[in-house]
């Protein structure tokens, strides 16, 4: 096989170290850019809470379309603000674990709120659980960014 490189395909220790250092520097730079601004996580939390609030008002039909538009808008805005586009909640194993815990809490809290309001007749129970889920959504978003950044810096 013929190569066009000056060293006939041999890799020197210095060039290998340089390549590894470049990869590490790129990972560190990417890890600093992936963290979303505060407004992204807060916006997601508020959007989730508003959907649950609209369920308590028995007006969820309009809220779902607004939710979709807000989430897509936030996603577009965070990509423009950070210059990075990636699946933040499933980017690394650590982020997926946190996201899985959030999903479990989301389902359980939503079920409790719906049971309390629709089954037991406790007014505004869905809105209250939606508020809790909204705060949890924002908190988990900040944590996922921190864990994903750490994992990317470490090369995981």
N, C-alpha and C. Protein backbone atom coordinates (compact mmCIF):
# COMPACT_ATOMS: atom_id res chain seq x y z
N UNK A 1 0.83 -1.17 0.00
CA UNK A 1 0.00 0.00 0.00
C UNK A 1 0.87 1.23 0.00
N UNK A 2 0.49 2.20 -0.75
CA UNK A 2 1.25 3.42 -0.88
C UNK A 2 0.62 4.53 -0.06
N UNK A 3 1.43 5.35 0.59
CA UNK A 3 0.92 6.50 1.34
C UNK A 3 1.54 7.77 0.80
N UNK A 4 0.87 8.85 1.05
CA UNK A 4 1.37 10.15 0.60
C UNK A 4 2.02 10.94 1.73
N UNK A 5 2.08 10.39 2.90
CA UNK A 5 2.64 11.14 4.03
C UNK A 5 4.15 11.10 3.98
N UNK A 6 4.75 12.07 4.65
CA UNK A 6 6.19 12.18 4.66
C UNK A 6 6.87 11.11 5.50
N UNK A 7 6.17 10.53 6.46
CA UNK A 7 6.81 9.54 7.33
C UNK A 7 6.36 8.13 6.99
N UNK A 8 5.81 7.92 5.83
CA UNK A 8 5.39 6.60 5.34
C UNK A 8 4.42 5.92 6.29
N UNK A 9 3.56 6.69 6.95
CA UNK A 9 2.53 6.11 7.80
C UNK A 9 2.97 5.82 9.22
N UNK A 10 4.23 6.09 9.55
CA UNK A 10 4.69 5.85 10.92
C UNK A 10 4.29 7.03 11.80
N UNK A 11 3.87 6.70 12.98
CA UNK A 11 3.44 7.70 13.95
C UNK A 11 4.54 7.83 14.99
N UNK A 12 5.02 9.03 15.20
CA UNK A 12 6.04 9.23 16.21
C UNK A 12 5.38 9.48 17.55
N UNK A 13 6.09 9.22 18.62
CA UNK A 13 5.52 9.49 19.95
C UNK A 13 5.11 10.95 20.13
N UNK A 14 5.91 11.86 19.57
CA UNK A 14 5.57 13.28 19.70
C UNK A 14 4.30 13.64 18.94
N UNK A 15 4.13 13.10 17.75
CA UNK A 15 2.92 13.41 16.99
C UNK A 15 1.69 12.76 17.62
N UNK A 16 1.87 11.59 18.20
CA UNK A 16 0.75 10.93 18.89
C UNK A 16 0.35 11.73 20.12
N UNK A 17 1.31 12.20 20.89
CA UNK A 17 1.03 13.01 22.08
C UNK A 17 0.35 14.30 21.67
N UNK A 18 0.79 14.90 20.61
CA UNK A 18 0.19 16.13 20.11
C UNK A 18 -1.27 15.91 19.71
N UNK A 19 -1.53 14.80 19.03
CA UNK A 19 -2.90 14.48 18.62
C UNK A 19 -3.79 14.25 19.84
N UNK A 20 -3.28 13.52 20.83
CA UNK A 20 -4.06 13.27 22.05
C UNK A 20 -4.31 14.57 22.82
N UNK A 21 -3.32 15.44 22.86
CA UNK A 21 -3.49 16.74 23.52
C UNK A 21 -4.54 17.58 22.80
N UNK A 22 -4.57 17.51 21.48
CA UNK A 22 -5.57 18.25 20.71
C UNK A 22 -6.97 17.73 21.00
N UNK A 23 -7.10 16.42 21.10
CA UNK A 23 -8.41 15.84 21.41
C UNK A 23 -8.85 16.26 22.81
N UNK A 24 -7.95 16.22 23.77
CA UNK A 24 -8.29 16.63 25.14
C UNK A 24 -8.68 18.10 25.19
N UNK A 25 -7.97 18.94 24.45
CA UNK A 25 -8.29 20.37 24.43
C UNK A 25 -9.67 20.59 23.78
N UNK A 26 -9.97 19.85 22.73
CA UNK A 26 -11.26 19.98 22.08
C UNK A 26 -12.38 19.54 23.02
N UNK A 27 -12.16 18.42 23.74
CA UNK A 27 -13.18 17.95 24.70
C UNK A 27 -13.41 18.98 25.79
N UNK A 28 -12.34 19.57 26.30
CA UNK A 28 -12.49 20.59 27.34
C UNK A 28 -13.24 21.80 26.82
N UNK A 29 -12.94 22.22 25.59
CA UNK A 29 -13.64 23.36 25.00
C UNK A 29 -15.11 23.03 24.78
N UNK A 30 -15.39 21.84 24.26
CA UNK A 30 -16.79 21.45 24.03
C UNK A 30 -17.55 21.37 25.34
N UNK A 31 -16.91 20.87 26.39
CA UNK A 31 -17.57 20.73 27.68
C UNK A 31 -17.94 22.09 28.27
N UNK A 32 -17.15 23.12 27.99
CA UNK A 32 -17.49 24.44 28.50
C UNK A 32 -18.62 25.08 27.70
N UNK A 33 -18.78 24.69 26.45
CA UNK A 33 -19.80 25.30 25.59
C UNK A 33 -21.16 24.61 25.66
N UNK A 34 -21.21 23.39 26.19
CA UNK A 34 -22.48 22.67 26.14
C UNK A 34 -23.48 23.11 27.20
N UNK A 35 -23.00 23.73 28.26
CA UNK A 35 -23.92 24.15 29.33
C UNK A 35 -24.89 25.19 28.79
N UNK A 36 -26.16 24.91 28.96
CA UNK A 36 -27.20 25.83 28.50
C UNK A 36 -27.29 27.03 29.44
N UNK A 37 -27.68 28.19 28.91
CA UNK A 37 -27.90 29.35 29.78
C UNK A 37 -29.05 29.06 30.76
N UNK A 38 -29.08 29.82 31.84
CA UNK A 38 -30.08 29.59 32.89
C UNK A 38 -31.49 29.64 32.35
N UNK A 39 -31.75 30.52 31.39
CA UNK A 39 -33.11 30.71 30.89
C UNK A 39 -33.66 29.48 30.17
N UNK A 40 -32.76 28.65 29.66
CA UNK A 40 -33.21 27.43 28.97
C UNK A 40 -33.89 26.49 29.96
N UNK A 41 -33.20 26.19 31.06
CA UNK A 41 -33.75 25.26 32.05
C UNK A 41 -34.97 25.84 32.76
N UNK A 42 -34.91 27.10 33.09
CA UNK A 42 -36.05 27.75 33.73
C UNK A 42 -37.24 27.77 32.77
N UNK A 43 -36.98 28.06 31.51
CA UNK A 43 -38.05 28.07 30.51
C UNK A 43 -38.71 26.71 30.34
N UNK A 44 -37.90 25.65 30.33
CA UNK A 44 -38.48 24.30 30.25
C UNK A 44 -39.33 24.00 31.48
N UNK A 45 -38.83 24.37 32.65
CA UNK A 45 -39.59 24.13 33.88
C UNK A 45 -40.91 24.89 33.90
N UNK A 46 -40.88 26.13 33.48
CA UNK A 46 -42.11 26.93 33.44
C UNK A 46 -43.09 26.36 32.42
N UNK A 47 -42.58 25.95 31.26
CA UNK A 47 -43.45 25.38 30.23
C UNK A 47 -44.15 24.11 30.73
N UNK A 48 -43.40 23.24 31.41
CA UNK A 48 -43.98 22.02 31.96
C UNK A 48 -45.03 22.37 33.01
N UNK A 49 -44.71 23.30 33.90
CA UNK A 49 -45.64 23.69 34.96
C UNK A 49 -46.93 24.28 34.37
N UNK A 50 -46.81 25.07 33.31
CA UNK A 50 -47.99 25.67 32.70
C UNK A 50 -48.91 24.62 32.07
N UNK A 51 -48.34 23.57 31.51
CA UNK A 51 -49.19 22.50 30.96
C UNK A 51 -50.01 21.86 32.08
N UNK A 52 -49.39 21.60 33.20
CA UNK A 52 -50.12 21.00 34.32
C UNK A 52 -51.15 21.98 34.89
N UNK A 53 -50.78 23.24 34.97
CA UNK A 53 -51.72 24.26 35.43
C UNK A 53 -52.95 24.31 34.53
N UNK A 54 -52.71 24.23 33.23
CA UNK A 54 -53.84 24.27 32.28
C UNK A 54 -54.72 23.03 32.43
N UNK A 55 -54.14 21.91 32.87
CA UNK A 55 -54.95 20.71 33.12
C UNK A 55 -55.90 20.94 34.29
N UNK A 56 -55.43 21.65 35.31
CA UNK A 56 -56.31 21.97 36.44
C UNK A 56 -57.42 22.91 36.03
N UNK A 57 -57.15 23.76 35.06
CA UNK A 57 -58.17 24.67 34.54
C UNK A 57 -59.10 24.00 33.52
N UNK A 58 -58.79 22.77 33.18
CA UNK A 58 -59.53 22.01 32.16
C UNK A 58 -59.41 22.69 30.79
N UNK A 59 -58.25 23.27 30.52
CA UNK A 59 -57.99 23.98 29.26
C UNK A 59 -56.68 23.52 28.64
N UNK A 60 -56.37 22.25 28.72
CA UNK A 60 -55.08 21.75 28.26
C UNK A 60 -54.94 21.73 26.76
N UNK A 61 -56.03 21.85 26.01
CA UNK A 61 -55.93 21.74 24.56
C UNK A 61 -55.05 22.83 23.95
N UNK A 62 -55.14 24.04 24.45
CA UNK A 62 -54.29 25.11 23.92
C UNK A 62 -52.87 25.02 24.45
N UNK A 63 -52.71 24.50 25.64
CA UNK A 63 -51.40 24.49 26.30
C UNK A 63 -50.43 23.53 25.63
N UNK A 64 -50.92 22.44 25.09
CA UNK A 64 -50.02 21.47 24.47
C UNK A 64 -49.34 22.07 23.25
N UNK A 65 -50.10 22.76 22.40
CA UNK A 65 -49.48 23.38 21.22
C UNK A 65 -48.52 24.49 21.62
N UNK A 66 -48.87 25.27 22.63
CA UNK A 66 -47.97 26.31 23.12
C UNK A 66 -46.70 25.67 23.69
N UNK A 67 -46.86 24.57 24.42
CA UNK A 67 -45.72 23.86 24.98
C UNK A 67 -44.76 23.42 23.88
N UNK A 68 -45.29 22.83 22.83
CA UNK A 68 -44.44 22.36 21.73
C UNK A 68 -43.69 23.52 21.10
N UNK A 69 -44.37 24.63 20.85
CA UNK A 69 -43.73 25.80 20.25
C UNK A 69 -42.64 26.36 21.18
N UNK A 70 -42.93 26.43 22.47
CA UNK A 70 -41.95 26.95 23.43
C UNK A 70 -40.73 26.04 23.49
N UNK A 71 -40.93 24.74 23.56
CA UNK A 71 -39.80 23.81 23.64
C UNK A 71 -38.95 23.89 22.37
N UNK A 72 -39.58 23.92 21.21
CA UNK A 72 -38.83 24.04 19.97
C UNK A 72 -38.09 25.38 19.90
N UNK A 73 -38.74 26.44 20.36
CA UNK A 73 -38.09 27.75 20.38
C UNK A 73 -36.91 27.79 21.33
N UNK A 74 -37.07 27.20 22.51
CA UNK A 74 -35.95 27.14 23.46
C UNK A 74 -34.80 26.32 22.90
N UNK A 75 -35.12 25.21 22.25
CA UNK A 75 -34.07 24.38 21.65
C UNK A 75 -33.30 25.15 20.59
N UNK A 76 -34.01 25.86 19.75
CA UNK A 76 -33.36 26.67 18.71
C UNK A 76 -32.50 27.76 19.36
N UNK A 77 -33.05 28.44 20.35
CA UNK A 77 -32.32 29.53 21.01
C UNK A 77 -31.07 29.04 21.73
N UNK A 78 -31.14 27.88 22.38
CA UNK A 78 -29.97 27.38 23.10
C UNK A 78 -28.89 26.93 22.11
N UNK A 79 -29.28 26.39 20.97
CA UNK A 79 -28.28 26.03 19.95
C UNK A 79 -27.59 27.28 19.43
N UNK A 80 -28.34 28.35 19.24
CA UNK A 80 -27.74 29.61 18.76
C UNK A 80 -26.85 30.23 19.84
N UNK A 81 -27.28 30.14 21.09
CA UNK A 81 -26.53 30.77 22.19
C UNK A 81 -25.23 30.03 22.51
N UNK A 82 -25.27 28.71 22.45
CA UNK A 82 -24.08 27.92 22.82
C UNK A 82 -23.23 27.54 21.62
N UNK A 83 -23.81 27.51 20.45
CA UNK A 83 -23.07 27.07 19.27
C UNK A 83 -22.92 25.56 19.20
N UNK A 84 -23.64 24.85 20.08
CA UNK A 84 -23.53 23.39 20.15
C UNK A 84 -24.93 22.80 20.06
N UNK A 85 -25.05 21.77 19.28
CA UNK A 85 -26.33 21.06 19.18
C UNK A 85 -26.08 19.60 19.54
N UNK A 86 -26.72 19.15 20.59
CA UNK A 86 -26.59 17.74 21.00
C UNK A 86 -27.77 17.38 21.87
N UNK A 87 -27.98 16.10 22.04
CA UNK A 87 -29.07 15.61 22.87
C UNK A 87 -28.61 15.64 24.33
N UNK A 88 -28.82 16.76 24.99
CA UNK A 88 -28.22 16.98 26.30
C UNK A 88 -28.65 15.97 27.35
N UNK A 89 -29.87 15.47 27.30
CA UNK A 89 -30.35 14.57 28.35
C UNK A 89 -29.91 13.12 28.14
N UNK A 90 -29.36 12.82 26.98
CA UNK A 90 -28.90 11.45 26.71
C UNK A 90 -27.48 11.44 26.14
N UNK A 91 -26.74 12.51 26.32
CA UNK A 91 -25.41 12.63 25.72
C UNK A 91 -24.39 11.69 26.35
N UNK A 92 -24.49 11.48 27.64
CA UNK A 92 -23.54 10.61 28.33
C UNK A 92 -24.30 9.68 29.26
N UNK A 93 -23.63 8.66 29.74
CA UNK A 93 -24.27 7.71 30.64
C UNK A 93 -24.73 8.40 31.92
N UNK A 94 -23.92 9.29 32.45
CA UNK A 94 -24.31 10.01 33.67
C UNK A 94 -25.55 10.87 33.45
N UNK A 95 -25.62 11.54 32.31
CA UNK A 95 -26.80 12.36 31.99
C UNK A 95 -28.03 11.48 31.82
N UNK A 96 -27.86 10.32 31.18
CA UNK A 96 -29.00 9.41 31.00
C UNK A 96 -29.53 8.90 32.32
N UNK A 97 -28.66 8.64 33.26
CA UNK A 97 -29.10 8.16 34.58
C UNK A 97 -29.95 9.22 35.28
N UNK A 98 -29.49 10.45 35.24
CA UNK A 98 -30.24 11.54 35.86
C UNK A 98 -31.57 11.74 35.15
N UNK A 99 -31.54 11.71 33.83
CA UNK A 99 -32.76 11.87 33.04
C UNK A 99 -33.74 10.74 33.32
N UNK A 100 -33.25 9.52 33.47
CA UNK A 100 -34.12 8.39 33.81
C UNK A 100 -34.79 8.57 35.15
N UNK A 101 -34.05 9.08 36.13
CA UNK A 101 -34.63 9.37 37.44
C UNK A 101 -35.69 10.45 37.35
N UNK A 102 -35.41 11.47 36.52
CA UNK A 102 -36.39 12.54 36.32
C UNK A 102 -37.66 12.00 35.68
N UNK A 103 -37.51 11.13 34.68
CA UNK A 103 -38.68 10.55 34.01
C UNK A 103 -39.54 9.76 35.00
N UNK A 104 -38.89 8.98 35.85
CA UNK A 104 -39.63 8.20 36.85
C UNK A 104 -40.37 9.13 37.81
N UNK A 105 -39.68 10.17 38.29
CA UNK A 105 -40.32 11.13 39.20
C UNK A 105 -41.46 11.85 38.49
N UNK A 106 -41.27 12.22 37.23
CA UNK A 106 -42.30 12.89 36.45
C UNK A 106 -43.57 12.05 36.39
N UNK A 107 -43.41 10.79 36.01
CA UNK A 107 -44.57 9.90 35.87
C UNK A 107 -45.27 9.69 37.21
N UNK A 108 -44.50 9.44 38.25
CA UNK A 108 -45.10 9.20 39.57
C UNK A 108 -45.81 10.45 40.10
N UNK A 109 -45.17 11.61 40.00
CA UNK A 109 -45.80 12.84 40.47
C UNK A 109 -47.04 13.19 39.66
N UNK A 110 -46.96 13.03 38.36
CA UNK A 110 -48.12 13.31 37.51
C UNK A 110 -49.28 12.38 37.87
N UNK A 111 -48.98 11.11 38.08
CA UNK A 111 -50.04 10.15 38.43
C UNK A 111 -50.67 10.51 39.78
N UNK A 112 -49.86 10.88 40.74
CA UNK A 112 -50.39 11.27 42.05
C UNK A 112 -51.27 12.51 41.92
N UNK A 113 -50.79 13.51 41.20
CA UNK A 113 -51.57 14.73 41.02
C UNK A 113 -52.89 14.47 40.31
N UNK A 114 -52.87 13.64 39.28
CA UNK A 114 -54.10 13.34 38.55
C UNK A 114 -55.07 12.53 39.41
N UNK A 115 -54.53 11.59 40.17
CA UNK A 115 -55.41 10.83 41.06
C UNK A 115 -56.05 11.75 42.09
N UNK A 116 -55.23 12.60 42.71
CA UNK A 116 -55.76 13.48 43.75
C UNK A 116 -56.84 14.42 43.21
N UNK A 117 -56.60 14.98 42.02
CA UNK A 117 -57.58 15.94 41.50
C UNK A 117 -58.79 15.24 40.89
N UNK A 118 -58.57 14.24 40.07
CA UNK A 118 -59.68 13.62 39.35
C UNK A 118 -60.32 12.46 40.11
N UNK A 119 -59.53 11.80 40.96
CA UNK A 119 -60.06 10.66 41.71
C UNK A 119 -60.55 11.03 43.09
N UNK A 120 -59.78 11.85 43.80
CA UNK A 120 -60.12 12.20 45.17
C UNK A 120 -60.77 13.58 45.28
N UNK A 121 -60.83 14.32 44.19
CA UNK A 121 -61.51 15.61 44.19
C UNK A 121 -60.75 16.75 44.84
N UNK A 122 -59.44 16.63 44.98
CA UNK A 122 -58.62 17.70 45.56
C UNK A 122 -58.34 18.74 44.47
N UNK A 123 -58.93 19.91 44.61
CA UNK A 123 -58.76 20.93 43.58
C UNK A 123 -57.33 21.45 43.53
N UNK A 124 -56.87 21.73 42.33
CA UNK A 124 -55.55 22.26 42.03
C UNK A 124 -54.40 21.30 42.32
N UNK A 125 -54.69 20.04 42.58
CA UNK A 125 -53.63 19.07 42.86
C UNK A 125 -52.70 18.90 41.65
N UNK A 126 -53.28 18.89 40.45
CA UNK A 126 -52.45 18.74 39.26
C UNK A 126 -51.56 19.98 39.08
N UNK A 127 -52.09 21.14 39.35
CA UNK A 127 -51.30 22.37 39.22
C UNK A 127 -50.14 22.37 40.21
N UNK A 128 -50.39 21.94 41.44
CA UNK A 128 -49.34 21.90 42.45
C UNK A 128 -48.25 20.89 42.07
N UNK A 129 -48.67 19.68 41.66
CA UNK A 129 -47.66 18.70 41.25
C UNK A 129 -46.93 19.17 39.99
N UNK A 130 -47.62 19.89 39.11
CA UNK A 130 -46.97 20.46 37.94
C UNK A 130 -45.92 21.48 38.32
N UNK A 131 -46.20 22.27 39.35
CA UNK A 131 -45.20 23.22 39.85
C UNK A 131 -43.97 22.50 40.38
N UNK A 132 -44.21 21.42 41.12
CA UNK A 132 -43.09 20.63 41.64
C UNK A 132 -42.30 20.02 40.49
N UNK A 133 -43.00 19.49 39.50
CA UNK A 133 -42.33 18.89 38.34
C UNK A 133 -41.56 19.97 37.57
N UNK A 134 -42.12 21.17 37.46
CA UNK A 134 -41.42 22.26 36.77
C UNK A 134 -40.12 22.64 37.45
N UNK A 135 -40.16 22.76 38.78
CA UNK A 135 -38.94 23.07 39.54
C UNK A 135 -37.94 21.93 39.40
N UNK A 136 -38.42 20.70 39.48
CA UNK A 136 -37.55 19.53 39.30
C UNK A 136 -36.95 19.51 37.90
N UNK A 137 -37.73 19.88 36.90
CA UNK A 137 -37.23 19.91 35.52
C UNK A 137 -36.06 20.89 35.38
N UNK A 138 -36.20 22.07 35.94
CA UNK A 138 -35.12 23.06 35.87
C UNK A 138 -33.89 22.57 36.64
N UNK A 139 -34.10 22.05 37.84
CA UNK A 139 -32.97 21.57 38.65
C UNK A 139 -32.24 20.42 37.97
N UNK A 140 -33.00 19.49 37.41
CA UNK A 140 -32.39 18.35 36.72
C UNK A 140 -31.64 18.83 35.48
N UNK A 141 -32.16 19.83 34.78
CA UNK A 141 -31.48 20.36 33.61
C UNK A 141 -30.10 20.91 33.95
N UNK A 142 -30.01 21.68 35.05
CA UNK A 142 -28.72 22.19 35.48
C UNK A 142 -27.77 21.06 35.85
N UNK A 143 -28.30 20.05 36.52
CA UNK A 143 -27.47 18.92 36.94
C UNK A 143 -26.99 18.12 35.74
N UNK A 144 -27.87 17.90 34.77
CA UNK A 144 -27.49 17.16 33.56
C UNK A 144 -26.37 17.90 32.84
N UNK A 145 -26.46 19.22 32.73
CA UNK A 145 -25.39 19.98 32.08
C UNK A 145 -24.06 19.78 32.80
N UNK A 146 -24.08 19.83 34.13
CA UNK A 146 -22.85 19.66 34.90
C UNK A 146 -22.27 18.26 34.71
N UNK A 147 -23.11 17.24 34.78
CA UNK A 147 -22.64 15.87 34.65
C UNK A 147 -22.16 15.60 33.23
N UNK A 148 -22.91 16.06 32.23
CA UNK A 148 -22.48 15.84 30.84
C UNK A 148 -21.16 16.54 30.58
N UNK A 149 -20.98 17.75 31.08
CA UNK A 149 -19.71 18.45 30.92
C UNK A 149 -18.57 17.70 31.55
N UNK A 150 -18.78 17.21 32.76
CA UNK A 150 -17.75 16.42 33.45
C UNK A 150 -17.41 15.16 32.67
N UNK A 151 -18.45 14.47 32.19
CA UNK A 151 -18.23 13.23 31.45
C UNK A 151 -17.50 13.47 30.12
N UNK A 152 -17.86 14.54 29.45
CA UNK A 152 -17.20 14.85 28.17
C UNK A 152 -15.75 15.23 28.39
N UNK A 153 -15.48 16.03 29.44
CA UNK A 153 -14.08 16.37 29.75
C UNK A 153 -13.26 15.12 30.06
N UNK A 154 -13.91 14.15 30.71
CA UNK A 154 -13.20 12.91 31.07
C UNK A 154 -13.14 11.92 29.91
N UNK A 155 -13.80 12.23 28.82
CA UNK A 155 -13.75 11.34 27.66
C UNK A 155 -14.72 10.17 27.75
N UNK A 156 -15.78 10.31 28.53
CA UNK A 156 -16.76 9.23 28.66
C UNK A 156 -17.95 9.47 27.78
